[in-house]
Amino acid sequence: MKFRDAESGRISEVIEETWAAVRCLPDKERSVEQGVSRWAEARKSVEKHIKNTYLKDIQAPVGAKPELVAWMEIG
């Protein structure tokens, strides 16, 4: 699991940091403020991070691409 801070661009792989950033009360209304297209740069940044860390660590074949399975906007 990866977490990218929108303000700093920092990517964290520490689950406790991700949990602290995304937790909320069950009755909290959820909404999308920015939309998917606005976050294209953030998505590319996370995919590049995955390519330069995880895919290198597992020695993935040349041309292997990371696949973003899910993401959420945190406001």
N, C-alpha and C. Protein backbone atom coordinates (compact mmCIF):
# COMPACT_ATOMS: atom_id res chain seq x y z
N MET A 1 0.84 -1.17 0.00
CA MET A 1 0.00 0.00 0.00
C MET A 1 0.89 1.24 0.00
N LYS A 2 0.53 2.18 -0.80
CA LYS A 2 1.28 3.43 -0.90
C LYS A 2 0.36 4.59 -0.54
N PHE A 3 0.92 5.62 0.06
CA PHE A 3 0.17 6.83 0.36
C PHE A 3 0.99 8.01 -0.12
N ARG A 4 0.37 8.86 -0.96
CA ARG A 4 1.06 10.05 -1.48
C ARG A 4 0.43 11.28 -0.87
N ASP A 5 1.24 12.07 -0.17
CA ASP A 5 0.78 13.33 0.41
C ASP A 5 0.65 14.35 -0.72
N ALA A 6 -0.55 14.89 -0.90
CA ALA A 6 -0.82 15.80 -2.01
C ALA A 6 -0.02 17.09 -1.91
N GLU A 7 0.23 17.56 -0.71
CA GLU A 7 0.94 18.82 -0.54
C GLU A 7 2.44 18.68 -0.76
N SER A 8 3.04 17.65 -0.20
CA SER A 8 4.49 17.50 -0.31
C SER A 8 4.92 16.58 -1.45
N GLY A 9 4.01 15.71 -1.92
CA GLY A 9 4.36 14.74 -2.94
C GLY A 9 5.07 13.53 -2.38
N ARG A 10 5.28 13.50 -1.06
CA ARG A 10 5.98 12.39 -0.40
C ARG A 10 5.13 11.13 -0.49
N ILE A 11 5.78 10.01 -0.80
CA ILE A 11 5.10 8.72 -0.88
C ILE A 11 5.56 7.87 0.29
N SER A 12 4.59 7.35 1.03
CA SER A 12 4.88 6.53 2.20
C SER A 12 4.39 5.11 1.95
N GLU A 13 5.14 4.15 2.44
CA GLU A 13 4.73 2.75 2.38
C GLU A 13 4.44 2.20 3.77
N VAL A 14 4.40 3.09 4.76
CA VAL A 14 4.17 2.69 6.14
C VAL A 14 2.66 2.66 6.39
N ILE A 15 2.13 1.49 6.68
CA ILE A 15 0.69 1.31 6.81
C ILE A 15 0.10 2.19 7.91
N GLU A 16 0.82 2.39 9.00
CA GLU A 16 0.31 3.22 10.09
C GLU A 16 0.13 4.68 9.65
N GLU A 17 1.01 5.17 8.80
CA GLU A 17 0.88 6.54 8.29
C GLU A 17 -0.33 6.65 7.37
N THR A 18 -0.54 5.64 6.56
CA THR A 18 -1.70 5.63 5.67
C THR A 18 -2.98 5.58 6.49
N TRP A 19 -3.02 4.70 7.46
CA TRP A 19 -4.20 4.56 8.29
C TRP A 19 -4.54 5.87 8.99
N ALA A 20 -3.54 6.54 9.54
CA ALA A 20 -3.77 7.80 10.24
C ALA A 20 -4.32 8.86 9.30
N ALA A 21 -3.91 8.84 8.06
CA ALA A 21 -4.36 9.85 7.09
C ALA A 21 -5.78 9.59 6.58
N VAL A 22 -6.19 8.33 6.50
CA VAL A 22 -7.49 8.01 5.89
C VAL A 22 -8.61 7.73 6.88
N ARG A 23 -8.30 7.59 8.15
CA ARG A 23 -9.35 7.24 9.10
C ARG A 23 -10.35 8.39 9.26
N CYS A 24 -11.59 8.02 9.51
CA CYS A 24 -12.64 8.99 9.77
C CYS A 24 -13.77 8.28 10.51
N LEU A 25 -14.70 9.05 11.00
CA LEU A 25 -15.85 8.48 11.70
C LEU A 25 -16.80 7.84 10.71
N PRO A 26 -17.53 6.79 11.13
CA PRO A 26 -18.43 6.09 10.21
C PRO A 26 -19.50 6.99 9.59
N ASP A 27 -19.91 8.05 10.29
CA ASP A 27 -20.96 8.91 9.75
C ASP A 27 -20.43 10.06 8.89
N LYS A 28 -19.14 10.09 8.64
CA LYS A 28 -18.53 11.15 7.83
C LYS A 28 -18.98 11.00 6.37
N GLU A 29 -19.52 12.06 5.81
CA GLU A 29 -19.94 12.03 4.41
C GLU A 29 -18.71 12.03 3.50
N ARG A 30 -18.75 11.20 2.49
CA ARG A 30 -17.64 11.11 1.55
C ARG A 30 -18.02 11.80 0.25
N SER A 31 -17.04 12.48 -0.33
CA SER A 31 -17.29 13.16 -1.60
C SER A 31 -15.99 13.26 -2.38
N VAL A 32 -16.11 13.45 -3.68
CA VAL A 32 -14.94 13.64 -4.55
C VAL A 32 -14.87 15.12 -4.88
N GLU A 33 -13.79 15.76 -4.48
CA GLU A 33 -13.63 17.19 -4.70
C GLU A 33 -12.88 17.50 -5.99
N GLN A 34 -11.84 16.77 -6.26
CA GLN A 34 -10.96 17.10 -7.37
C GLN A 34 -11.28 16.36 -8.66
N GLY A 35 -11.76 15.15 -8.58
CA GLY A 35 -12.02 14.36 -9.77
C GLY A 35 -10.79 13.59 -10.23
N VAL A 36 -11.02 12.53 -10.94
CA VAL A 36 -9.95 11.62 -11.35
C VAL A 36 -8.94 12.29 -12.27
N SER A 37 -9.40 13.06 -13.25
CA SER A 37 -8.47 13.64 -14.22
C SER A 37 -7.50 14.63 -13.58
N ARG A 38 -7.91 15.29 -12.53
CA ARG A 38 -7.03 16.25 -11.86
C ARG A 38 -5.86 15.56 -11.18
N TRP A 39 -6.01 14.30 -10.84
CA TRP A 39 -4.98 13.58 -10.10
C TRP A 39 -4.08 12.72 -10.98
N ALA A 40 -4.10 12.94 -12.28
CA ALA A 40 -3.28 12.15 -13.20
C ALA A 40 -1.80 12.23 -12.84
N GLU A 41 -1.32 13.41 -12.49
CA GLU A 41 0.09 13.58 -12.13
C GLU A 41 0.43 12.79 -10.86
N ALA A 42 -0.47 12.82 -9.89
CA ALA A 42 -0.24 12.06 -8.65
C ALA A 42 -0.20 10.57 -8.94
N ARG A 43 -1.12 10.10 -9.79
CA ARG A 43 -1.15 8.67 -10.15
C ARG A 43 0.16 8.27 -10.82
N LYS A 44 0.64 9.10 -11.75
CA LYS A 44 1.89 8.80 -12.44
C LYS A 44 3.06 8.77 -11.46
N SER A 45 3.04 9.66 -10.48
CA SER A 45 4.09 9.70 -9.47
C SER A 45 4.12 8.41 -8.66
N VAL A 46 2.95 7.92 -8.27
CA VAL A 46 2.88 6.67 -7.51
C VAL A 46 3.31 5.50 -8.37
N GLU A 47 2.87 5.45 -9.62
CA GLU A 47 3.28 4.36 -10.51
C GLU A 47 4.79 4.37 -10.72
N LYS A 48 5.39 5.56 -10.85
CA LYS A 48 6.85 5.65 -11.01
C LYS A 48 7.55 5.15 -9.75
N HIS A 49 7.00 5.50 -8.59
CA HIS A 49 7.57 5.03 -7.33
C HIS A 49 7.53 3.50 -7.25
N ILE A 50 6.40 2.91 -7.63
CA ILE A 50 6.27 1.45 -7.62
C ILE A 50 7.30 0.83 -8.57
N LYS A 51 7.43 1.41 -9.75
CA LYS A 51 8.39 0.90 -10.74
C LYS A 51 9.81 0.96 -10.20
N ASN A 52 10.16 2.07 -9.54
CA ASN A 52 11.53 2.26 -9.07
C ASN A 52 11.83 1.57 -7.75
N THR A 53 10.83 1.04 -7.08
CA THR A 53 11.07 0.33 -5.82
C THR A 53 10.66 -1.14 -5.96
N TYR A 54 9.39 -1.40 -5.91
CA TYR A 54 8.89 -2.78 -5.89
C TYR A 54 9.29 -3.58 -7.13
N LEU A 55 9.05 -3.03 -8.31
CA LEU A 55 9.36 -3.80 -9.52
C LEU A 55 10.85 -4.09 -9.65
N LYS A 56 11.69 -3.16 -9.20
CA LYS A 56 13.14 -3.42 -9.21
C LYS A 56 13.50 -4.48 -8.18
N ASP A 57 12.86 -4.39 -7.00
CA ASP A 57 13.14 -5.37 -5.94
C ASP A 57 12.82 -6.80 -6.36
N ILE A 58 11.74 -6.98 -7.11
CA ILE A 58 11.36 -8.33 -7.53
C ILE A 58 11.97 -8.70 -8.88
N GLN A 59 12.78 -7.79 -9.42
CA GLN A 59 13.44 -7.99 -10.71
C GLN A 59 12.41 -8.35 -11.80
N ALA A 60 11.40 -7.50 -11.88
CA ALA A 60 10.35 -7.69 -12.89
C ALA A 60 10.95 -7.55 -14.28
N PRO A 61 10.39 -8.23 -15.27
CA PRO A 61 10.91 -8.13 -16.63
C PRO A 61 10.81 -6.71 -17.17
N VAL A 62 11.73 -6.37 -18.07
CA VAL A 62 11.71 -5.06 -18.71
C VAL A 62 10.35 -4.87 -19.39
N GLY A 63 9.76 -3.70 -19.19
CA GLY A 63 8.46 -3.42 -19.78
C GLY A 63 7.30 -3.69 -18.86
N ALA A 64 7.56 -4.33 -17.70
CA ALA A 64 6.49 -4.57 -16.73
C ALA A 64 6.02 -3.22 -16.20
N LYS A 65 4.72 -3.05 -16.10
CA LYS A 65 4.18 -1.78 -15.65
C LYS A 65 3.37 -1.98 -14.37
N PRO A 66 3.46 -1.01 -13.45
CA PRO A 66 2.64 -1.10 -12.24
C PRO A 66 1.17 -0.91 -12.59
N GLU A 67 0.31 -1.52 -11.81
CA GLU A 67 -1.12 -1.37 -12.04
C GLU A 67 -1.76 -0.78 -10.79
N LEU A 68 -2.35 0.40 -10.96
CA LEU A 68 -3.04 1.04 -9.86
C LEU A 68 -4.41 0.40 -9.73
N VAL A 69 -4.66 -0.24 -8.60
CA VAL A 69 -5.89 -0.98 -8.40
C VAL A 69 -6.98 -0.11 -7.78
N ALA A 70 -6.61 0.73 -6.84
CA ALA A 70 -7.60 1.60 -6.18
C ALA A 70 -6.88 2.82 -5.64
N TRP A 71 -7.65 3.89 -5.52
CA TRP A 71 -7.13 5.09 -4.87
C TRP A 71 -8.27 5.85 -4.26
N MET A 72 -7.94 6.78 -3.36
CA MET A 72 -8.98 7.59 -2.76
C MET A 72 -8.43 9.00 -2.55
N GLU A 73 -9.33 9.94 -2.63
CA GLU A 73 -8.99 11.34 -2.38
C GLU A 73 -9.28 11.61 -0.91
N ILE A 74 -8.34 12.25 -0.24
CA ILE A 74 -8.49 12.56 1.18
C ILE A 74 -8.54 14.07 1.32
N GLY A 75 -9.57 14.53 1.97
CA GLY A 75 -9.70 15.99 2.12
C GLY A 75 -9.74 16.42 3.54
